[in-house]
Amino acid sequence: PKPSSRFSEQREDSELIGFMRRLLAWYQKMVANDKDPVVQFYKRIWTYERGVAVEADAGGGSPSSSSKAGKSARAPGPTSERLYDACHARTESMLLEAQNRRMKENIAGLQRTVEMLQLEVRSLPDGGGAAGGDAAGGG
């Protein structure tokens, strides 16, 4: 059966009509409260999924005209899979940057240790058995 015929059959269902009214009221509330970060997030995903240029929305261009122009100018439009891959790549990049930073800190610490040991070796008296003499003299 067609959705329109199915809906006309359900006109007597007061629970369905009440649910639809609550759903519409909630939707109208969400549209009125478009500053909500959750609503903004879902709007951005919606526009990304459809290939609507965010710059056109910000610049006041109509989304329908920008989406038509954008889709004809681009290869395949963005998908949720591409969005997921981009988020995954960004997360991996951030983790690698953190690991790189930690490794640089470790290298800097090791370089300081090497410099301190080199200074210590230079301060030892020349003569091959200096380490044994220190141990005997210190005890």
C-alpha atoms as a PDB file:
ATOM      1  CA  PRO A   1       0.000   0.000   0.000  1.00  0.00           C
ATOM      2  CA  LYS A   2       1.045   3.560  -0.656  1.00  0.00           C
ATOM      3  CA  PRO A   3       2.109   5.648   2.360  1.00  0.00           C
ATOM      4  CA  SER A   4      -0.644   8.181   1.659  1.00  0.00           C
ATOM      5  CA  SER A   5      -3.344   5.494   1.684  1.00  0.00           C
ATOM      6  CA  ARG A   6      -1.856   3.973   4.821  1.00  0.00           C
ATOM      7  CA  PHE A   7      -1.943   7.366   6.545  1.00  0.00           C
ATOM      8  CA  SER A   8      -5.539   8.031   5.491  1.00  0.00           C
ATOM      9  CA  GLU A   9      -6.490   4.652   6.987  1.00  0.00           C
ATOM     10  CA  GLN A  10      -4.909   5.733  10.297  1.00  0.00           C
ATOM     11  CA  ARG A  11      -6.780   9.047  10.622  1.00  0.00           C
ATOM     12  CA  GLU A  12      -8.950   7.564  13.332  1.00  0.00           C
ATOM     13  CA  ASP A  13      -5.923   6.551  15.432  1.00  0.00           C
ATOM     14  CA  SER A  14      -5.808   9.178  18.178  1.00  0.00           C
ATOM     15  CA  GLU A  15      -2.510   7.862  19.582  1.00  0.00           C
ATOM     16  CA  LEU A  16      -0.818   8.230  16.203  1.00  0.00           C
ATOM     17  CA  ILE A  17      -2.205  11.726  15.733  1.00  0.00           C
ATOM     18  CA  GLY A  18      -1.083  12.700  19.244  1.00  0.00           C
ATOM     19  CA  PHE A  19       2.382  11.312  18.560  1.00  0.00           C
ATOM     20  CA  MET A  20       2.627  13.195  15.266  1.00  0.00           C
ATOM     21  CA  ARG A  21       1.547  16.416  16.971  1.00  0.00           C
ATOM     22  CA  ARG A  22       4.198  15.970  19.686  1.00  0.00           C
ATOM     23  CA  LEU A  23       6.765  15.191  17.019  1.00  0.00           C
ATOM     24  CA  LEU A  24       5.868  18.323  15.043  1.00  0.00           C
ATOM     25  CA  ALA A  25       5.918  20.447  18.224  1.00  0.00           C
ATOM     26  CA  TRP A  26       9.366  19.068  19.088  1.00  0.00           C
ATOM     27  CA  TYR A  27      10.581  19.748  15.546  1.00  0.00           C
ATOM     28  CA  GLN A  28       9.277  23.317  15.628  1.00  0.00           C
ATOM     29  CA  LYS A  29      11.004  23.825  18.988  1.00  0.00           C
ATOM     30  CA  MET A  30      14.291  22.517  17.555  1.00  0.00           C
ATOM     31  CA  VAL A  31      14.020  24.734  14.474  1.00  0.00           C
ATOM     32  CA  ALA A  32      13.335  27.756  16.685  1.00  0.00           C
ATOM     33  CA  ASN A  33      16.326  26.879  18.879  1.00  0.00           C
ATOM     34  CA  ASP A  34      18.903  26.597  16.095  1.00  0.00           C
ATOM     35  CA  LYS A  35      21.686  27.919  18.361  1.00  0.00           C
ATOM     36  CA  ASP A  36      21.681  24.591  20.205  1.00  0.00           C
ATOM     37  CA  PRO A  37      25.077  22.879  19.598  1.00  0.00           C
ATOM     38  CA  VAL A  38      23.429  19.509  19.015  1.00  0.00           C
ATOM     39  CA  VAL A  39      21.145  20.968  16.374  1.00  0.00           C
ATOM     40  CA  GLN A  40      24.106  22.746  14.770  1.00  0.00           C
ATOM     41  CA  PHE A  41      26.061  19.464  14.724  1.00  0.00           C
ATOM     42  CA  TYR A  42      23.247  17.576  13.006  1.00  0.00           C
ATOM     43  CA  LYS A  43      22.707  20.424  10.544  1.00  0.00           C
ATOM     44  CA  ARG A  44      26.373  20.296   9.594  1.00  0.00           C
ATOM     45  CA  ILE A  45      26.201  16.533   9.087  1.00  0.00           C
ATOM     46  CA  TRP A  46      23.024  16.939   7.045  1.00  0.00           C
ATOM     47  CA  THR A  47      24.602  19.555   4.801  1.00  0.00           C
ATOM     48  CA  TYR A  48      27.817  17.516   4.526  1.00  0.00           C
ATOM     49  CA  GLU A  49      25.853  14.406   3.532  1.00  0.00           C
ATOM     50  CA  ARG A  50      24.109  16.321   0.770  1.00  0.00           C
ATOM     51  CA  GLY A  51      27.195  18.136  -0.453  1.00  0.00           C
ATOM     52  CA  VAL A  52      25.830  21.592   0.356  1.00  0.00           C
ATOM     53  CA  ALA A  53      28.696  24.052   0.587  1.00  0.00           C
ATOM     54  CA  VAL A  54      29.028  25.433   4.112  1.00  0.00           C
ATOM     55  CA  GLU A  55      30.516  28.640   2.727  1.00  0.00           C
ATOM     56  CA  ALA A  56      27.367  29.248   0.674  1.00  0.00           C
ATOM     57  CA  ASP A  57      25.202  28.824   3.779  1.00  0.00           C
ATOM     58  CA  ALA A  58      27.380  31.217   5.752  1.00  0.00           C
ATOM     59  CA  GLY A  59      27.445  33.724   2.902  1.00  0.00           C
ATOM     60  CA  GLY A  60      23.688  33.788   2.575  1.00  0.00           C
ATOM     61  CA  GLY A  61      23.509  31.809  -0.668  1.00  0.00           C
ATOM     62  CA  SER A  62      20.591  29.486  -1.094  1.00  0.00           C
ATOM     63  CA  PRO A  63      21.478  25.890  -0.212  1.00  0.00           C
ATOM     64  CA  SER A  64      19.581  24.477  -3.188  1.00  0.00           C
ATOM     65  CA  SER A  65      21.503  26.511  -5.760  1.00  0.00           C
ATOM     66  CA  SER A  66      24.856  25.941  -4.065  1.00  0.00           C
ATOM     67  CA  SER A  67      24.246  22.206  -3.771  1.00  0.00           C
ATOM     68  CA  LYS A  68      23.396  21.936  -7.461  1.00  0.00           C
ATOM     69  CA  ALA A  69      26.475  23.918  -8.423  1.00  0.00           C
ATOM     70  CA  GLY A  70      28.649  22.044  -5.941  1.00  0.00           C
ATOM     71  CA  LYS A  71      27.543  18.608  -7.086  1.00  0.00           C
ATOM     72  CA  SER A  72      28.118  19.393 -10.736  1.00  0.00           C
ATOM     73  CA  ALA A  73      31.569  20.849 -10.018  1.00  0.00           C
ATOM     74  CA  ARG A  74      32.719  17.961  -7.834  1.00  0.00           C
ATOM     75  CA  ALA A  75      33.213  14.282  -8.297  1.00  0.00           C
ATOM     76  CA  PRO A  76      31.080  12.099  -6.009  1.00  0.00           C
ATOM     77  CA  GLY A  77      29.616  14.011  -3.086  1.00  0.00           C
ATOM     78  CA  PRO A  78      30.632  13.484   0.512  1.00  0.00           C
ATOM     79  CA  THR A  79      29.190  10.531   2.359  1.00  0.00           C
ATOM     80  CA  SER A  80      28.953   9.497   5.975  1.00  0.00           C
ATOM     81  CA  GLU A  81      31.646   6.923   5.236  1.00  0.00           C
ATOM     82  CA  ARG A  82      34.008   9.674   4.060  1.00  0.00           C
ATOM     83  CA  LEU A  83      33.118  11.776   7.094  1.00  0.00           C
ATOM     84  CA  TYR A  84      33.881   8.809   9.366  1.00  0.00           C
ATOM     85  CA  ASP A  85      37.172   8.170   7.532  1.00  0.00           C
ATOM     86  CA  ALA A  86      38.122  11.838   7.880  1.00  0.00           C
ATOM     87  CA  CYS A  87      37.335  11.794  11.612  1.00  0.00           C
ATOM     88  CA  HIS A  88      39.287   8.558  12.008  1.00  0.00           C
ATOM     89  CA  ALA A  89      42.271   9.983  10.119  1.00  0.00           C
ATOM     90  CA  ARG A  90      42.151  13.172  12.218  1.00  0.00           C
ATOM     91  CA  THR A  91      42.085  11.165  15.453  1.00  0.00           C
ATOM     92  CA  GLU A  92      44.976   9.016  14.272  1.00  0.00           C
ATOM     93  CA  SER A  93      46.885  12.148  13.279  1.00  0.00           C
ATOM     94  CA  MET A  94      46.339  13.681  16.727  1.00  0.00           C
ATOM     95  CA  LEU A  95      47.533  10.472  18.416  1.00  0.00           C
ATOM     96  CA  LEU A  96      50.631  10.365  16.224  1.00  0.00           C
ATOM     97  CA  GLU A  97      51.363  14.027  16.980  1.00  0.00           C
ATOM     98  CA  ALA A  98      51.145  13.293  20.716  1.00  0.00           C
ATOM     99  CA  GLN A  99      53.422  10.266  20.330  1.00  0.00           C
ATOM    100  CA  ASN A 100      55.866  12.363  18.279  1.00  0.00           C
ATOM    101  CA  ARG A 101      55.865  15.044  20.997  1.00  0.00           C
ATOM    102  CA  ARG A 102      56.588  12.436  23.706  1.00  0.00           C
ATOM    103  CA  MET A 103      59.425  10.959  21.649  1.00  0.00           C
ATOM    104  CA  LYS A 104      60.959  14.410  21.154  1.00  0.00           C
ATOM    105  CA  GLU A 105      60.761  14.993  24.912  1.00  0.00           C
ATOM    106  CA  ASN A 106      62.447  11.621  25.524  1.00  0.00           C
ATOM    107  CA  ILE A 107      65.167  12.455  23.006  1.00  0.00           C
ATOM    108  CA  ALA A 108      65.768  15.825  24.653  1.00  0.00           C
ATOM    109  CA  GLY A 109      66.047  14.117  28.055  1.00  0.00           C
ATOM    110  CA  LEU A 110      68.466  11.542  26.678  1.00  0.00           C
ATOM    111  CA  GLN A 111      70.564  14.277  25.058  1.00  0.00           C
ATOM    112  CA  ARG A 112      70.795  16.078  28.414  1.00  0.00           C
ATOM    113  CA  THR A 113      71.863  12.828  30.072  1.00  0.00           C
ATOM    114  CA  VAL A 114      74.538  12.272  27.401  1.00  0.00           C
ATOM    115  CA  GLU A 115      75.829  15.843  27.870  1.00  0.00           C
ATOM    116  CA  MET A 116      76.005  15.376  31.667  1.00  0.00           C
ATOM    117  CA  LEU A 117      77.865  12.083  31.259  1.00  0.00           C
ATOM    118  CA  GLN A 118      80.276  13.659  28.776  1.00  0.00           C
ATOM    119  CA  LEU A 119      81.002  16.460  31.262  1.00  0.00           C
ATOM    120  CA  GLU A 120      81.525  13.891  33.997  1.00  0.00           C
ATOM    121  CA  VAL A 121      83.917  11.885  31.809  1.00  0.00           C
ATOM    122  CA  ARG A 122      85.869  15.047  30.950  1.00  0.00           C
ATOM    123  CA  SER A 123      86.217  15.913  34.615  1.00  0.00           C
ATOM    124  CA  LEU A 124      87.776  12.532  35.422  1.00  0.00           C
ATOM    125  CA  PRO A 125      91.582  12.511  35.604  1.00  0.00           C
ATOM    126  CA  ASP A 126      93.285  10.997  32.604  1.00  0.00           C
ATOM    127  CA  GLY A 127      94.690   7.614  33.277  1.00  0.00           C
ATOM    128  CA  GLY A 128      92.602   4.562  32.488  1.00  0.00           C
ATOM    129  CA  GLY A 129      92.054   3.441  36.116  1.00  0.00           C
ATOM    130  CA  ALA A 130      90.292   6.607  37.249  1.00  0.00           C
ATOM    131  CA  ALA A 131      86.959   4.866  37.810  1.00  0.00           C
ATOM    132  CA  GLY A 132      88.584   2.265  40.091  1.00  0.00           C
ATOM    133  CA  GLY A 133      90.426   5.012  42.016  1.00  0.00           C
ATOM    134  CA  ASP A 134      87.151   6.879  42.639  1.00  0.00           C
ATOM    135  CA  ALA A 135      85.533   3.749  44.001  1.00  0.00           C
ATOM    136  CA  ALA A 136      88.504   3.007  46.279  1.00  0.00           C
ATOM    137  CA  GLY A 137      88.845   6.608  47.441  1.00  0.00           C
ATOM    138  CA  GLY A 138      85.133   7.044  48.125  1.00  0.00           C
ATOM    139  CA  GLY A 139      84.827   3.946  50.418  1.00  0.00           C
END
